Amino acid sequence: MIKSYVINLDCDIERLNFFKQNFARLNLQFERIPAVDGRKYSEEDYQQFMRERPRKDKTWRRGQMGCFLSHYAAWEKIARGDERFGVVFEDDIHISDDLKLILDNDQWIPDNIDVIRLDAPTCRVRLSRSPVLVYRERKAYEVSSTTWCCGGYILGKQAAQRLIDVPVQNHEPSDVLMYSYTDSVIARELKILQFQPALCAQDKQLEANNINFASNIETLPSQTEVLKSKLSKASPATILRALYRSATGYKRIGFQ
């Protein structure tokens, strides 16, 4: 079984119970990683954190800082562990029953794979035309564009070490560092796969049956509100670009 880690704030008992129930349903085990609460940092420490990690034309929200440090702790666990791969989850995910089959062992994962995304990102992602891996009838495609969200991912031991070896001045929020082709110094070097459809999705992405957990980073609009806003502002050029991206392999990742 691939070892699972869940990131959870001490105060988020409801989220932890939700995660426990989901994993217990599939008879899966996990290790809890106490999440870092950026809101509890002193102003001096917060400013020091940002001075050490300057972001071009951007800043760090306290929630992003806490989220990054929490994922960093998970990367350290995997890098220092004895297993080839580990899997990291945030505590608000809904999971597919097939997750148990995927996490049963890591023998199906080639050594050259760094990250396998289990969650559904909020953006369209450019995927390889054919799956790179097929396991238990689930298909994983290679990612060749920026993507977002760190709700659930399998991470290789060597890739975890490479992430924690990134110089402090090049740190970015966790999903930016792992997946952004424009802002990360390492994302383009990682071989990243995406399960399509995804095996987990964060609560905020499932309006039809979500539990409405509040974000620990910021207050976010609903997915419907985001879509309506984008459509209302879309220019003909924007629509053409979206059609082009769709025709060149950019996909919306579902959850099943």
Protein backbone atom coordinates (compact mmCIF):
# COMPACT_ATOMS: atom_id res chain seq x y z
CA MET A 1 0.00 0.00 0.00
CA ILE A 2 1.33 3.45 -0.92
CA LYS A 3 1.62 5.43 2.31
CA SER A 4 -0.91 8.25 2.57
CA TYR A 5 -0.46 11.58 4.35
CA VAL A 6 -3.27 14.02 5.06
CA ILE A 7 -2.64 17.69 5.84
CA ASN A 8 -5.00 18.94 8.54
CA LEU A 9 -5.11 21.94 10.88
CA ASP A 10 -5.50 21.12 14.57
CA CYS A 11 -8.68 23.20 14.68
CA ASP A 12 -10.27 21.50 11.66
CA ILE A 13 -11.82 18.55 13.48
CA GLU A 14 -14.82 18.43 11.14
CA ARG A 15 -12.56 18.13 8.10
CA LEU A 16 -10.49 15.40 9.74
CA ASN A 17 -13.60 13.41 10.64
CA PHE A 18 -14.85 13.77 7.07
CA PHE A 19 -11.53 12.47 5.75
CA LYS A 20 -11.46 9.60 8.27
CA GLN A 21 -14.94 8.50 7.22
CA ASN A 22 -13.98 8.52 3.55
CA PHE A 23 -10.81 6.49 4.14
CA ALA A 24 -12.49 4.10 6.57
CA ARG A 25 -15.12 3.37 3.93
CA LEU A 26 -12.34 2.00 1.71
CA ASN A 27 -10.36 0.47 4.58
CA LEU A 28 -7.43 2.82 3.89
CA GLN A 29 -4.92 4.04 6.46
CA PHE A 30 -3.18 7.42 6.62
CA GLU A 31 -0.77 9.50 8.67
CA ARG A 32 -1.91 12.96 9.69
CA ILE A 33 0.46 15.89 9.15
CA PRO A 34 -0.42 18.84 11.40
CA ALA A 35 -0.95 21.73 9.00
CA VAL A 36 0.76 25.08 9.53
CA ASP A 37 -1.66 27.92 10.26
CA GLY A 38 -0.22 31.01 8.61
CA ARG A 39 -2.71 33.20 10.46
CA LYS A 40 -0.92 32.46 13.74
CA TYR A 41 2.47 33.73 12.57
CA SER A 42 3.62 37.00 14.09
CA GLU A 43 3.79 39.91 11.67
CA GLU A 44 7.57 39.89 12.01
CA ASP A 45 7.84 36.20 11.09
CA TYR A 46 5.37 36.63 8.25
CA GLN A 47 7.38 39.50 6.77
CA GLN A 48 10.63 37.53 7.20
CA PHE A 49 9.08 34.57 5.35
CA MET A 50 8.17 36.85 2.44
CA ARG A 51 11.56 38.58 2.34
CA GLU A 52 13.23 35.19 2.00
CA ARG A 53 10.78 34.18 -0.77
CA PRO A 54 10.15 37.21 -2.97
CA ARG A 55 7.53 36.59 -5.66
CA LYS A 56 7.69 38.58 -8.88
CA ASP A 57 4.76 41.03 -8.98
CA LYS A 58 2.98 38.95 -6.32
CA THR A 59 2.90 38.49 -2.58
CA TRP A 60 2.20 35.63 -0.17
CA ARG A 61 -1.14 35.44 1.58
CA ARG A 62 -0.91 33.96 5.05
CA GLY A 63 -3.01 31.01 3.96
CA GLN A 64 -0.66 30.33 1.05
CA MET A 65 2.29 30.43 3.41
CA GLY A 66 0.70 27.89 5.74
CA CYS A 67 -0.37 25.67 2.86
CA PHE A 68 3.14 25.71 1.37
CA LEU A 69 4.82 24.87 4.67
CA SER A 70 2.33 22.05 5.24
CA HIS A 71 2.97 20.46 1.85
CA TYR A 72 6.71 20.99 2.37
CA ALA A 73 6.46 18.92 5.56
CA ALA A 74 4.79 16.15 3.55
CA TRP A 75 7.53 16.30 0.90
CA GLU A 76 10.14 15.92 3.65
CA LYS A 77 8.33 12.84 4.98
CA ILE A 78 8.37 11.21 1.55
CA ALA A 79 11.97 12.23 0.76
CA ARG A 80 13.21 10.79 4.07
CA GLY A 81 11.06 7.67 3.97
CA ASP A 82 11.92 4.22 2.68
CA GLU A 83 9.17 3.94 0.05
CA ARG A 84 9.48 4.79 -3.67
CA PHE A 85 6.31 6.89 -3.56
CA GLY A 86 4.00 8.56 -1.09
CA VAL A 87 0.62 10.18 -1.55
CA VAL A 88 -0.44 13.55 -0.16
CA PHE A 89 -4.02 14.70 0.44
CA GLU A 90 -5.67 17.83 1.70
CA ASP A 91 -8.45 17.12 4.16
CA ASP A 92 -11.49 18.34 2.20
CA ILE A 93 -11.40 15.83 -0.64
CA HIS A 94 -14.13 13.55 -1.91
CA ILE A 95 -12.70 10.25 -3.13
CA SER A 96 -13.59 7.62 -5.71
CA ASP A 97 -14.03 4.00 -4.66
CA ASP A 98 -11.27 3.15 -7.16
CA LEU A 99 -8.72 4.99 -5.02
CA LYS A 100 -8.19 1.83 -2.97
CA LEU A 101 -7.18 -0.05 -6.12
CA ILE A 102 -4.74 2.66 -7.22
CA LEU A 103 -3.05 2.90 -3.81
CA ASP A 104 -2.84 -0.86 -3.32
CA ASN A 105 0.85 -0.85 -4.38
CA ASP A 106 3.37 1.22 -6.33
CA GLN A 107 4.77 -1.51 -8.60
CA TRP A 108 2.73 -0.21 -11.53
CA ILE A 109 4.48 3.19 -11.42
CA PRO A 110 7.66 3.49 -13.54
CA ASP A 111 10.74 4.94 -11.85
CA ASN A 112 10.82 7.95 -14.19
CA ILE A 113 7.44 9.28 -13.01
CA ASP A 114 7.69 12.16 -10.54
CA VAL A 115 4.08 13.11 -9.81
CA ILE A 116 0.71 11.55 -10.53
CA ARG A 117 -2.16 13.95 -9.99
CA LEU A 118 -5.17 12.27 -8.40
CA ASP A 119 -7.31 15.40 -8.04
CA ALA A 120 -9.26 17.51 -10.50
CA PRO A 121 -7.65 20.91 -11.18
CA THR A 122 -9.66 24.10 -11.58
CA CYS A 123 -8.24 24.82 -15.05
CA ARG A 124 -8.08 23.01 -18.37
CA VAL A 125 -4.90 20.97 -18.72
CA ARG A 126 -2.99 19.94 -21.81
CA LEU A 127 -2.72 16.16 -21.81
CA SER A 128 -1.01 13.67 -24.07
CA ARG A 129 -3.31 12.26 -26.72
CA SER A 130 -2.80 8.71 -25.47
CA PRO A 131 -2.52 7.52 -21.87
CA VAL A 132 0.98 6.94 -20.54
CA LEU A 133 -0.28 4.46 -17.97
CA VAL A 134 -3.37 2.31 -17.69
CA TYR A 135 -3.87 0.60 -14.34
CA ARG A 136 -7.01 -1.10 -13.07
CA GLU A 137 -8.83 0.40 -16.08
CA ARG A 138 -7.86 3.92 -14.95
CA LYS A 139 -5.95 6.03 -17.48
CA ALA A 140 -3.18 8.50 -16.66
CA TYR A 141 -1.99 11.05 -19.24
CA GLU A 142 1.17 13.15 -19.33
CA VAL A 143 0.68 16.81 -18.42
CA SER A 144 2.38 19.45 -20.59
CA SER A 145 0.89 22.70 -19.31
CA THR A 146 0.38 24.66 -16.11
CA THR A 147 -2.19 23.20 -13.78
CA TRP A 148 -3.48 24.05 -10.30
CA CYS A 149 -4.57 22.52 -7.00
CA CYS A 150 -2.82 20.10 -4.62
CA GLY A 151 -5.81 18.22 -3.27
CA GLY A 152 -4.28 14.81 -3.90
CA TYR A 153 -1.15 13.55 -5.62
CA ILE A 154 1.29 10.65 -5.66
CA LEU A 155 4.86 11.92 -5.28
CA GLY A 156 8.08 10.04 -5.96
CA LYS A 157 10.79 9.94 -3.31
CA GLN A 158 13.39 11.52 -5.61
CA ALA A 159 10.94 14.19 -6.80
CA ALA A 160 10.15 15.03 -3.18
CA GLN A 161 13.85 15.55 -2.55
CA ARG A 162 14.12 17.79 -5.60
CA LEU A 163 11.23 19.92 -4.35
CA ILE A 164 12.77 20.46 -0.92
CA ASP A 165 16.13 21.19 -2.57
CA VAL A 166 14.66 24.17 -4.46
CA PRO A 167 16.45 27.29 -3.16
CA VAL A 168 14.40 29.28 -0.67
CA GLN A 169 14.39 32.37 -2.90
CA ASN A 170 12.63 30.32 -5.58
CA HIS A 171 9.83 29.05 -3.36
CA GLU A 172 6.27 29.56 -4.57
CA PRO A 173 2.88 28.40 -3.22
CA SER A 174 2.74 24.63 -3.31
CA ASP A 175 0.71 24.15 -6.50
CA VAL A 176 2.65 26.92 -8.26
CA LEU A 177 6.00 25.34 -7.40
CA MET A 178 4.85 21.89 -8.50
CA TYR A 179 2.81 22.74 -11.57
CA SER A 180 3.29 26.26 -12.95
CA TYR A 181 5.19 26.39 -16.23
CA THR A 182 5.62 30.17 -15.91
CA ASP A 183 6.46 30.77 -12.25
CA SER A 184 8.20 27.59 -11.06
CA VAL A 185 11.90 26.79 -11.49
CA ILE A 186 11.21 23.05 -11.36
CA ALA A 187 7.75 22.27 -12.80
CA ARG A 188 8.94 21.81 -16.40
CA GLU A 189 11.59 19.35 -15.22
CA LEU A 190 9.08 17.05 -13.52
CA LYS A 191 7.33 14.22 -15.34
CA ILE A 192 3.75 14.72 -14.25
CA LEU A 193 0.77 12.50 -15.04
CA GLN A 194 -2.93 13.19 -14.53
CA PHE A 195 -5.64 10.61 -14.00
CA GLN A 196 -8.61 11.36 -16.26
CA PRO A 197 -11.15 11.21 -14.74
CA ALA A 198 -9.69 12.22 -11.39
CA LEU A 199 -9.92 9.96 -8.36
CA CYS A 200 -10.54 12.78 -5.91
CA ALA A 201 -11.84 16.33 -5.92
CA GLN A 202 -11.82 19.09 -3.35
CA ASP A 203 -15.11 19.98 -1.74
CA LYS A 204 -15.23 23.45 -3.32
CA GLN A 205 -15.32 21.87 -6.78
CA LEU A 206 -18.41 19.73 -6.22
CA GLU A 207 -21.32 22.10 -5.84
CA ALA A 208 -23.95 19.44 -6.37
CA ASN A 209 -23.04 17.41 -3.28
CA ASN A 210 -20.42 19.32 -1.35
CA ILE A 211 -20.24 20.01 2.36
CA ASN A 212 -19.16 23.63 1.92
CA PHE A 213 -15.94 23.63 3.90
CA ALA A 214 -14.53 27.15 4.18
CA SER A 215 -11.19 27.68 2.43
CA ASN A 216 -8.16 28.02 4.70
CA ILE A 217 -6.48 30.25 2.11
CA GLU A 218 -9.19 32.71 1.08
CA THR A 219 -12.91 33.09 0.47
CA LEU A 220 -13.54 31.67 -2.96
CA PRO A 221 -16.51 32.15 -5.31
CA SER A 222 -18.43 29.07 -6.37
CA GLN A 223 -17.54 27.31 -9.60
CA THR A 224 -20.83 28.51 -11.13
CA GLU A 225 -20.04 32.09 -10.18
CA VAL A 226 -16.57 31.80 -11.70
CA LEU A 227 -17.96 30.41 -14.95
CA LYS A 228 -20.65 33.10 -15.20
CA SER A 229 -18.06 35.80 -14.55
CA LYS A 230 -15.73 34.43 -17.23
CA LEU A 231 -18.52 34.14 -19.79
CA SER A 232 -19.74 37.68 -19.12
CA LYS A 233 -16.24 39.06 -19.75
CA ALA A 234 -15.28 36.79 -22.64
CA SER A 235 -14.24 38.53 -25.84
CA PRO A 236 -14.31 36.88 -29.28
CA ALA A 237 -10.53 36.48 -29.01
CA THR A 238 -10.91 34.76 -25.64
CA ILE A 239 -13.50 32.38 -27.04
CA LEU A 240 -11.30 31.56 -30.05
CA ARG A 241 -8.34 30.94 -27.75
CA ALA A 242 -10.46 28.58 -25.64
CA LEU A 243 -11.54 26.69 -28.76
CA TYR A 244 -7.91 26.46 -29.93
CA ARG A 245 -6.78 25.16 -26.55
CA SER A 246 -9.52 22.55 -26.61
CA ALA A 247 -8.50 21.44 -30.12
CA THR A 248 -4.81 21.14 -29.10
CA GLY A 249 -5.35 18.81 -26.21
CA TYR A 250 -6.43 20.95 -23.25
CA LYS A 251 -9.00 19.03 -21.22
CA ARG A 252 -11.32 19.73 -18.35
CA ILE A 253 -10.66 17.00 -15.79
CA GLY A 254 -13.75 15.29 -14.42
CA PHE A 255 -14.14 13.34 -11.19
CA GLN A 256 -15.46 9.81 -10.99
